[in-house]
Amino acid sequence: MIDPGNIFLLKLTVTDSFPEIWRQVLVPDECTLGDLHYVISYALGWFDDSEHEFSQGEVTYGPKAKGSVADREDEHRVFLARVFRRPGHSIRYAYTLLDKWHVHVELEGEQAPVPRGHYPCCIAGNNDGPPDGVGGISRHNEVVQAFSNPDGFLQINPRHALSK
């Protein structure tokens, strides 16, 4: 069981990214899912200018605003301690519903707050976050592959070759 007033160690993994994109963040358990949305956006370098939602099982959470989906719970009223009850619990986050970025958010552990610690904070990660507007994870993976082997990319995709 989670002790109240602790700091959660969460791992954020962009689903289907190759190479894998992930971050470890420390977040107070009294944060809401709405707060976590901003943590994820900043940790991955996103502009926070797109729709998003969380889902866990059959339950969906998101911002409650005029014209929003009626059957989802207000993310600003759901605290992390309600969603993450023990290490291993996870929730799915979808950002920019058009490009469909999915992030697997898993509770790895908890700890007591460090005196004069600043939370939330990112403590580890791997690879740059995918840029907003690139066209989803498959397009991002293609771009990463192109930068690692530009000659092969130009041969496979001649429309991208420069005119000589």
N, C-alpha and C. Protein backbone atom coordinates (compact mmCIF):
# COMPACT_ATOMS: atom_id res chain seq x y z
N MET A 1 0.84 -1.18 0.00
CA MET A 1 0.00 0.00 0.00
C MET A 1 0.88 1.25 0.00
N ILE A 2 0.43 2.28 -0.67
CA ILE A 2 1.17 3.53 -0.80
C ILE A 2 0.95 4.39 0.44
N ASP A 3 2.05 4.95 0.98
CA ASP A 3 1.95 5.87 2.11
C ASP A 3 1.69 7.27 1.59
N PRO A 4 0.71 7.99 2.17
CA PRO A 4 0.42 9.35 1.71
C PRO A 4 1.58 10.29 1.99
N GLY A 5 1.74 11.29 1.13
CA GLY A 5 2.79 12.28 1.30
C GLY A 5 4.13 11.87 0.72
N ASN A 6 4.17 10.80 -0.02
CA ASN A 6 5.41 10.33 -0.62
C ASN A 6 5.58 10.84 -2.04
N ILE A 7 6.74 10.56 -2.57
CA ILE A 7 7.08 10.92 -3.94
C ILE A 7 7.05 9.64 -4.77
N PHE A 8 6.37 9.71 -5.90
CA PHE A 8 6.29 8.56 -6.80
C PHE A 8 7.42 8.62 -7.82
N LEU A 9 8.04 7.47 -8.07
CA LEU A 9 8.98 7.31 -9.16
C LEU A 9 8.20 6.68 -10.31
N LEU A 10 8.00 7.44 -11.37
CA LEU A 10 7.24 6.97 -12.52
C LEU A 10 8.16 6.81 -13.72
N LYS A 11 7.91 5.76 -14.51
CA LYS A 11 8.62 5.60 -15.78
C LYS A 11 7.63 5.88 -16.89
N LEU A 12 8.02 6.79 -17.78
CA LEU A 12 7.22 7.17 -18.94
C LEU A 12 7.89 6.58 -20.17
N THR A 13 7.19 5.72 -20.89
CA THR A 13 7.77 5.08 -22.08
C THR A 13 6.87 5.35 -23.27
N VAL A 14 7.44 5.95 -24.32
CA VAL A 14 6.68 6.19 -25.54
C VAL A 14 6.49 4.84 -26.23
N THR A 15 5.26 4.42 -26.37
CA THR A 15 4.93 3.10 -26.92
C THR A 15 5.39 2.98 -28.38
N ASP A 16 6.00 1.85 -28.70
CA ASP A 16 6.45 1.50 -30.04
C ASP A 16 7.58 2.37 -30.59
N SER A 17 8.27 3.12 -29.72
CA SER A 17 9.38 3.93 -30.21
C SER A 17 10.61 3.05 -30.40
N PHE A 18 11.35 3.34 -31.47
CA PHE A 18 12.59 2.61 -31.73
C PHE A 18 13.63 3.58 -32.25
N PRO A 19 14.72 3.79 -31.55
CA PRO A 19 15.02 3.20 -30.26
C PRO A 19 14.08 3.73 -29.18
N GLU A 20 14.02 3.00 -28.08
CA GLU A 20 13.06 3.31 -27.03
C GLU A 20 13.28 4.70 -26.44
N ILE A 21 12.17 5.43 -26.27
CA ILE A 21 12.19 6.75 -25.65
C ILE A 21 11.52 6.61 -24.29
N TRP A 22 12.23 6.99 -23.23
CA TRP A 22 11.65 6.89 -21.89
C TRP A 22 12.23 7.97 -20.98
N ARG A 23 11.49 8.23 -19.90
CA ARG A 23 11.93 9.15 -18.85
C ARG A 23 11.56 8.56 -17.50
N GLN A 24 12.36 8.85 -16.48
CA GLN A 24 11.98 8.56 -15.09
C GLN A 24 11.76 9.92 -14.43
N VAL A 25 10.62 10.06 -13.78
CA VAL A 25 10.29 11.32 -13.13
C VAL A 25 9.88 11.06 -11.69
N LEU A 26 10.16 12.04 -10.84
CA LEU A 26 9.70 12.02 -9.45
C LEU A 26 8.57 13.03 -9.34
N VAL A 27 7.43 12.56 -8.82
CA VAL A 27 6.22 13.38 -8.76
C VAL A 27 5.55 13.18 -7.41
N PRO A 28 5.13 14.26 -6.73
CA PRO A 28 4.41 14.10 -5.46
C PRO A 28 3.10 13.34 -5.67
N ASP A 29 2.76 12.47 -4.72
CA ASP A 29 1.55 11.66 -4.87
C ASP A 29 0.27 12.49 -4.82
N GLU A 30 0.35 13.74 -4.32
CA GLU A 30 -0.86 14.56 -4.28
C GLU A 30 -1.12 15.29 -5.60
N CYS A 31 -0.29 15.05 -6.61
CA CYS A 31 -0.55 15.60 -7.94
C CYS A 31 -1.76 14.91 -8.54
N THR A 32 -2.41 15.60 -9.44
CA THR A 32 -3.54 15.03 -10.17
C THR A 32 -3.07 14.51 -11.53
N LEU A 33 -3.94 13.80 -12.20
CA LEU A 33 -3.63 13.39 -13.57
C LEU A 33 -3.46 14.61 -14.47
N GLY A 34 -4.21 15.68 -14.17
CA GLY A 34 -4.03 16.93 -14.93
C GLY A 34 -2.61 17.47 -14.77
N ASP A 35 -2.08 17.41 -13.54
CA ASP A 35 -0.69 17.81 -13.31
C ASP A 35 0.28 16.88 -14.05
N LEU A 36 -0.02 15.59 -14.03
CA LEU A 36 0.84 14.62 -14.70
C LEU A 36 0.89 14.87 -16.20
N HIS A 37 -0.20 15.33 -16.78
CA HIS A 37 -0.20 15.68 -18.20
C HIS A 37 0.91 16.69 -18.51
N TYR A 38 1.04 17.72 -17.66
CA TYR A 38 2.08 18.73 -17.88
C TYR A 38 3.47 18.14 -17.67
N VAL A 39 3.63 17.27 -16.68
CA VAL A 39 4.92 16.63 -16.43
C VAL A 39 5.34 15.82 -17.66
N ILE A 40 4.42 15.04 -18.21
CA ILE A 40 4.73 14.22 -19.39
C ILE A 40 5.08 15.12 -20.57
N SER A 41 4.28 16.16 -20.79
CA SER A 41 4.53 17.09 -21.92
C SER A 41 5.92 17.70 -21.83
N TYR A 42 6.28 18.22 -20.66
CA TYR A 42 7.59 18.85 -20.50
C TYR A 42 8.72 17.84 -20.58
N ALA A 43 8.54 16.66 -19.98
CA ALA A 43 9.59 15.65 -19.99
C ALA A 43 9.92 15.18 -21.40
N LEU A 44 8.91 15.15 -22.27
CA LEU A 44 9.13 14.67 -23.63
C LEU A 44 9.32 15.80 -24.64
N GLY A 45 9.24 17.05 -24.17
CA GLY A 45 9.48 18.19 -25.06
C GLY A 45 8.30 18.55 -25.94
N TRP A 46 7.10 18.22 -25.52
CA TRP A 46 5.91 18.55 -26.30
C TRP A 46 5.38 19.91 -25.89
N PHE A 47 4.64 20.55 -26.78
CA PHE A 47 4.17 21.92 -26.57
C PHE A 47 2.87 22.01 -25.80
N ASP A 48 2.22 20.90 -25.51
CA ASP A 48 0.96 20.91 -24.79
C ASP A 48 -0.12 21.67 -25.55
N ASP A 49 -0.13 21.53 -26.87
CA ASP A 49 -1.15 22.24 -27.64
C ASP A 49 -2.10 21.27 -28.34
N SER A 50 -2.16 20.04 -27.87
CA SER A 50 -3.02 19.04 -28.49
C SER A 50 -3.90 18.37 -27.45
N GLU A 51 -4.94 17.71 -27.93
CA GLU A 51 -5.81 16.97 -27.03
C GLU A 51 -5.04 15.81 -26.40
N HIS A 52 -5.52 15.39 -25.25
CA HIS A 52 -4.89 14.25 -24.57
C HIS A 52 -5.94 13.58 -23.69
N GLU A 53 -5.61 12.36 -23.26
CA GLU A 53 -6.45 11.65 -22.30
C GLU A 53 -5.65 10.53 -21.67
N PHE A 54 -6.10 10.10 -20.51
CA PHE A 54 -5.55 8.96 -19.81
C PHE A 54 -6.58 7.85 -19.84
N SER A 55 -6.14 6.60 -19.80
CA SER A 55 -7.08 5.49 -19.68
C SER A 55 -6.44 4.40 -18.83
N GLN A 56 -7.30 3.77 -18.05
CA GLN A 56 -6.89 2.65 -17.20
C GLN A 56 -8.07 1.70 -17.17
N GLY A 57 -7.87 0.54 -17.78
CA GLY A 57 -9.00 -0.39 -17.91
C GLY A 57 -10.09 0.25 -18.76
N GLU A 58 -11.30 0.27 -18.24
CA GLU A 58 -12.44 0.84 -18.96
C GLU A 58 -12.67 2.32 -18.65
N VAL A 59 -11.85 2.90 -17.76
CA VAL A 59 -12.06 4.26 -17.32
C VAL A 59 -11.16 5.21 -18.12
N THR A 60 -11.73 6.33 -18.58
CA THR A 60 -10.99 7.35 -19.30
C THR A 60 -11.03 8.64 -18.51
N TYR A 61 -9.88 9.34 -18.47
CA TYR A 61 -9.76 10.61 -17.76
C TYR A 61 -9.26 11.65 -18.74
N GLY A 62 -9.72 12.87 -18.56
CA GLY A 62 -9.24 13.95 -19.42
C GLY A 62 -9.71 15.28 -18.89
N PRO A 63 -9.37 16.35 -19.61
CA PRO A 63 -9.80 17.67 -19.18
C PRO A 63 -11.30 17.82 -19.36
N LYS A 64 -11.93 18.45 -18.41
CA LYS A 64 -13.36 18.74 -18.52
C LYS A 64 -13.48 20.18 -19.01
N ALA A 65 -13.92 20.32 -20.21
CA ALA A 65 -14.10 21.64 -20.79
C ALA A 65 -15.34 21.60 -21.66
N LYS A 66 -15.76 22.75 -22.09
CA LYS A 66 -16.92 22.84 -22.97
C LYS A 66 -16.68 21.97 -24.20
N GLY A 67 -17.62 21.10 -24.49
CA GLY A 67 -17.52 20.23 -25.65
C GLY A 67 -16.66 19.00 -25.45
N SER A 68 -16.19 18.73 -24.22
CA SER A 68 -15.35 17.56 -23.99
C SER A 68 -16.21 16.31 -23.89
N VAL A 69 -15.55 15.17 -23.97
CA VAL A 69 -16.25 13.88 -23.89
C VAL A 69 -16.93 13.77 -22.53
N ALA A 70 -18.23 13.50 -22.54
CA ALA A 70 -19.02 13.50 -21.31
C ALA A 70 -18.73 12.32 -20.39
N ASP A 71 -18.34 11.18 -20.95
CA ASP A 71 -18.19 9.99 -20.12
C ASP A 71 -16.79 9.79 -19.56
N ARG A 72 -15.93 10.78 -19.64
CA ARG A 72 -14.63 10.63 -19.01
C ARG A 72 -14.56 11.47 -17.74
N GLU A 73 -13.78 10.95 -16.78
CA GLU A 73 -13.64 11.64 -15.50
C GLU A 73 -12.70 12.84 -15.64
N ASP A 74 -12.94 13.85 -14.83
CA ASP A 74 -12.12 15.06 -14.84
C ASP A 74 -10.74 14.75 -14.28
N GLU A 75 -9.71 14.88 -15.11
CA GLU A 75 -8.34 14.57 -14.71
C GLU A 75 -7.83 15.45 -13.58
N HIS A 76 -8.43 16.61 -13.38
CA HIS A 76 -7.99 17.52 -12.32
C HIS A 76 -8.59 17.15 -10.96
N ARG A 77 -9.43 16.13 -10.92
CA ARG A 77 -10.02 15.66 -9.67
C ARG A 77 -9.53 14.27 -9.27
N VAL A 78 -8.62 13.72 -10.05
CA VAL A 78 -8.12 12.36 -9.80
C VAL A 78 -6.66 12.45 -9.39
N PHE A 79 -6.37 12.08 -8.14
CA PHE A 79 -5.02 12.15 -7.61
C PHE A 79 -4.24 10.88 -7.96
N LEU A 80 -2.92 11.02 -8.10
CA LEU A 80 -2.08 9.89 -8.49
C LEU A 80 -2.20 8.73 -7.52
N ALA A 81 -2.36 9.02 -6.23
CA ALA A 81 -2.48 7.95 -5.24
C ALA A 81 -3.71 7.08 -5.49
N ARG A 82 -4.70 7.59 -6.19
CA ARG A 82 -5.89 6.80 -6.53
C ARG A 82 -5.60 5.87 -7.70
N VAL A 83 -4.76 6.30 -8.60
CA VAL A 83 -4.47 5.53 -9.82
C VAL A 83 -3.36 4.51 -9.61
N PHE A 84 -2.34 4.91 -8.86
CA PHE A 84 -1.17 4.05 -8.61
C PHE A 84 -1.20 3.59 -7.16
N ARG A 85 -1.67 2.37 -6.94
CA ARG A 85 -1.80 1.87 -5.56
C ARG A 85 -0.59 1.11 -5.07
N ARG A 86 0.20 0.56 -6.01
CA ARG A 86 1.43 -0.15 -5.64
C ARG A 86 2.33 -0.21 -6.87
N PRO A 87 3.63 -0.43 -6.66
CA PRO A 87 4.55 -0.52 -7.79
C PRO A 87 4.06 -1.55 -8.82
N GLY A 88 4.20 -1.20 -10.06
CA GLY A 88 3.73 -2.05 -11.16
C GLY A 88 2.41 -1.57 -11.76
N HIS A 89 1.64 -0.78 -10.99
CA HIS A 89 0.40 -0.23 -11.55
C HIS A 89 0.75 0.76 -12.65
N SER A 90 -0.09 0.80 -13.68
CA SER A 90 0.20 1.69 -14.81
C SER A 90 -1.08 2.31 -15.35
N ILE A 91 -0.88 3.31 -16.17
CA ILE A 91 -1.97 3.99 -16.86
C ILE A 91 -1.46 4.34 -18.25
N ARG A 92 -2.37 4.47 -19.19
CA ARG A 92 -2.00 4.81 -20.55
C ARG A 92 -2.35 6.28 -20.79
N TYR A 93 -1.43 6.98 -21.42
CA TYR A 93 -1.60 8.39 -21.75
C TYR A 93 -1.56 8.54 -23.26
N ALA A 94 -2.52 9.21 -23.83
CA ALA A 94 -2.54 9.48 -25.27
C ALA A 94 -2.46 10.98 -25.47
N TYR A 95 -1.49 11.41 -26.26
CA TYR A 95 -1.29 12.83 -26.55
C TYR A 95 -1.47 13.05 -28.03
N THR A 96 -2.00 14.18 -28.38
CA THR A 96 -2.36 14.53 -29.75
C THR A 96 -3.09 13.36 -30.39
N LEU A 97 -4.36 13.32 -30.11
CA LEU A 97 -5.20 12.21 -30.52
C LEU A 97 -5.16 11.99 -32.04
N LEU A 98 -4.71 13.00 -32.79
CA LEU A 98 -4.57 12.86 -34.23
C LEU A 98 -3.36 11.98 -34.58
N ASP A 99 -2.18 12.32 -34.02
CA ASP A 99 -0.96 11.53 -34.27
C ASP A 99 -0.89 10.27 -33.42
N LYS A 100 -1.67 10.26 -32.35
CA LYS A 100 -1.77 9.09 -31.47
C LYS A 100 -0.45 8.70 -30.82
N TRP A 101 0.17 9.66 -30.11
CA TRP A 101 1.32 9.31 -29.29
C TRP A 101 0.79 8.62 -28.05
N HIS A 102 1.29 7.46 -27.73
CA HIS A 102 0.88 6.75 -26.52
C HIS A 102 2.08 6.60 -25.59
N VAL A 103 1.84 6.87 -24.33
CA VAL A 103 2.89 6.76 -23.32
C VAL A 103 2.40 5.82 -22.23
N HIS A 104 3.21 4.82 -21.95
CA HIS A 104 2.93 3.89 -20.85
C HIS A 104 3.54 4.51 -19.60
N VAL A 105 2.70 4.78 -18.60
CA VAL A 105 3.14 5.40 -17.35
C VAL A 105 3.03 4.34 -16.26
N GLU A 106 4.18 3.98 -15.67
CA GLU A 106 4.20 2.91 -14.66
C GLU A 106 4.83 3.41 -13.37
N LEU A 107 4.19 3.05 -12.25
CA LEU A 107 4.77 3.36 -10.94
C LEU A 107 5.87 2.34 -10.66
N GLU A 108 7.11 2.83 -10.56
CA GLU A 108 8.23 1.94 -10.27
C GLU A 108 8.50 1.84 -8.78
N GLY A 109 8.12 2.88 -8.03
CA GLY A 109 8.36 2.86 -6.59
C GLY A 109 7.95 4.18 -5.97
N GLU A 110 8.21 4.28 -4.67
CA GLU A 110 7.91 5.51 -3.95
C GLU A 110 9.03 5.77 -2.96
N GLN A 111 9.12 7.01 -2.53
CA GLN A 111 10.15 7.38 -1.56
C GLN A 111 9.65 8.58 -0.76
N ALA A 112 10.28 8.79 0.36
CA ALA A 112 9.97 9.97 1.16
C ALA A 112 10.55 11.19 0.44
N PRO A 113 9.91 12.34 0.59
CA PRO A 113 10.47 13.54 -0.05
C PRO A 113 11.84 13.88 0.54
N VAL A 114 12.73 14.37 -0.30
CA VAL A 114 14.05 14.82 0.13
C VAL A 114 13.91 16.25 0.64
N PRO A 115 14.49 16.58 1.80
CA PRO A 115 14.41 17.96 2.27
C PRO A 115 14.91 18.94 1.21
N ARG A 116 14.18 19.98 1.00
CA ARG A 116 14.46 21.01 -0.01
C ARG A 116 14.49 20.45 -1.42
N GLY A 117 13.86 19.29 -1.63
CA GLY A 117 13.78 18.73 -2.98
C GLY A 117 12.77 19.50 -3.81
N HIS A 118 12.96 19.50 -5.08
CA HIS A 118 12.04 20.18 -6.00
C HIS A 118 11.34 19.14 -6.86
N TYR A 119 10.05 19.14 -6.79
CA TYR A 119 9.26 18.16 -7.53
C TYR A 119 8.17 18.88 -8.30
N PRO A 120 7.78 18.36 -9.44
CA PRO A 120 8.30 17.16 -10.10
C PRO A 120 9.67 17.43 -10.71
N CYS A 121 10.39 16.34 -10.98
CA CYS A 121 11.67 16.46 -11.66
C CYS A 121 11.94 15.20 -12.47
N CYS A 122 12.69 15.37 -13.53
CA CYS A 122 13.10 14.25 -14.39
C CYS A 122 14.50 13.85 -13.94
N ILE A 123 14.67 12.56 -13.62
CA ILE A 123 15.97 12.11 -13.11
C ILE A 123 16.74 11.23 -14.09
N ALA A 124 16.09 10.72 -15.12
CA ALA A 124 16.78 9.87 -16.10
C ALA A 124 15.94 9.80 -17.37
N GLY A 125 16.57 9.38 -18.45
CA GLY A 125 15.85 9.23 -19.70
C GLY A 125 16.74 8.70 -20.80
N ASN A 126 16.11 8.40 -21.92
CA ASN A 126 16.83 7.87 -23.06
C ASN A 126 16.19 8.38 -24.34
N ASN A 127 16.98 8.98 -25.20
CA ASN A 127 16.60 9.48 -26.51
C ASN A 127 15.69 10.71 -26.43
N ASP A 128 15.77 11.53 -27.48
CA ASP A 128 14.95 12.73 -27.56
C ASP A 128 13.48 12.35 -27.70
N GLY A 129 12.63 13.19 -27.14
CA GLY A 129 11.20 12.99 -27.31
C GLY A 129 10.81 13.26 -28.75
N PRO A 130 9.80 12.57 -29.24
CA PRO A 130 9.37 12.81 -30.62
C PRO A 130 8.75 14.20 -30.75
N PRO A 131 9.07 14.93 -31.81
CA PRO A 131 8.54 16.29 -31.95
C PRO A 131 7.05 16.31 -32.27
N ASP A 132 6.40 17.35 -31.78
CA ASP A 132 5.00 17.58 -32.14
C ASP A 132 4.89 17.71 -33.66
N GLY A 133 3.84 17.16 -34.24
CA GLY A 133 3.54 17.35 -35.65
C GLY A 133 4.34 16.52 -36.62
N VAL A 134 5.12 15.55 -36.15
CA VAL A 134 5.93 14.75 -37.06
C VAL A 134 5.09 13.69 -37.78
N GLY A 135 3.90 13.38 -37.25
CA GLY A 135 3.02 12.44 -37.93
C GLY A 135 2.85 11.10 -37.25
N GLY A 136 3.13 11.03 -35.97
CA GLY A 136 2.92 9.80 -35.24
C GLY A 136 4.19 8.98 -35.09
N ILE A 137 4.07 7.88 -34.35
CA ILE A 137 5.24 7.08 -34.00
C ILE A 137 5.88 6.41 -35.21
N SER A 138 5.09 5.94 -36.17
CA SER A 138 5.69 5.27 -37.32
C SER A 138 6.51 6.27 -38.15
N ARG A 139 5.99 7.47 -38.33
CA ARG A 139 6.73 8.50 -39.07
C ARG A 139 7.99 8.91 -38.29
N HIS A 140 7.86 9.04 -36.98
CA HIS A 140 9.03 9.38 -36.15
C HIS A 140 10.11 8.32 -36.30
N ASN A 141 9.73 7.05 -36.23
CA ASN A 141 10.70 5.96 -36.37
C ASN A 141 11.38 6.00 -37.74
N GLU A 142 10.62 6.35 -38.80
CA GLU A 142 11.20 6.48 -40.14
C GLU A 142 12.24 7.59 -40.18
N VAL A 143 11.92 8.72 -39.56
CA VAL A 143 12.85 9.86 -39.54
C VAL A 143 14.12 9.49 -38.78
N VAL A 144 13.98 8.83 -37.63
CA VAL A 144 15.15 8.41 -36.86
C VAL A 144 16.01 7.46 -37.69
N GLN A 145 15.36 6.53 -38.39
CA GLN A 145 16.10 5.59 -39.24
C GLN A 145 16.80 6.33 -40.37
N ALA A 146 16.16 7.33 -40.94
CA ALA A 146 16.76 8.09 -42.03
C ALA A 146 18.02 8.82 -41.57
N PHE A 147 17.99 9.37 -40.37
CA PHE A 147 19.16 10.07 -39.87
C PHE A 147 20.30 9.12 -39.53
N SER A 148 19.97 7.87 -39.18
CA SER A 148 21.03 6.91 -38.90
C SER A 148 21.61 6.30 -40.16
N ASN A 149 20.88 6.33 -41.28
CA ASN A 149 21.36 5.79 -42.55
C ASN A 149 20.77 6.62 -43.69
N PRO A 150 21.23 7.85 -43.90
CA PRO A 150 20.62 8.72 -44.90
C PRO A 150 20.75 8.20 -46.32
N ASP A 151 21.84 7.51 -46.68
CA ASP A 151 21.97 7.01 -48.04
C ASP A 151 20.94 5.94 -48.34
N GLY A 152 20.74 5.02 -47.43
CA GLY A 152 19.74 3.97 -47.61
C GLY A 152 18.34 4.54 -47.66
N PHE A 153 18.08 5.56 -46.88
CA PHE A 153 16.75 6.18 -46.87
C PHE A 153 16.45 6.82 -48.21
N LEU A 154 17.45 7.49 -48.80
CA LEU A 154 17.22 8.15 -50.09
C LEU A 154 17.01 7.12 -51.19
N GLN A 155 17.67 5.97 -51.12
CA GLN A 155 17.47 4.95 -52.13
C GLN A 155 16.08 4.33 -52.01
N ILE A 156 15.62 4.13 -50.79
CA ILE A 156 14.31 3.52 -50.57
C ILE A 156 13.19 4.51 -50.88
N ASN A 157 13.41 5.77 -50.59
CA ASN A 157 12.40 6.81 -50.76
C ASN A 157 12.91 7.88 -51.73
N PRO A 158 12.90 7.61 -53.05
CA PRO A 158 13.49 8.55 -54.00
C PRO A 158 12.79 9.92 -54.01
N ARG A 159 11.57 10.00 -53.57
CA ARG A 159 10.88 11.29 -53.57
C ARG A 159 11.54 12.26 -52.60
N HIS A 160 12.34 11.74 -51.68
CA HIS A 160 13.02 12.58 -50.71
C HIS A 160 14.41 13.00 -51.20
N ALA A 161 14.87 12.44 -52.32
CA ALA A 161 16.20 12.76 -52.83
C ALA A 161 16.22 14.20 -53.36
N LEU A 162 17.35 14.83 -53.19
CA LEU A 162 17.51 16.19 -53.69
C LEU A 162 17.84 16.13 -55.17
N SER A 163 17.33 17.10 -55.94
CA SER A 163 17.66 17.19 -57.37
C SER A 163 19.10 17.64 -57.52
N LYS A 164 19.78 17.08 -58.51
CA LYS A 164 21.19 17.45 -58.74
C LYS A 164 21.30 18.40 -59.89
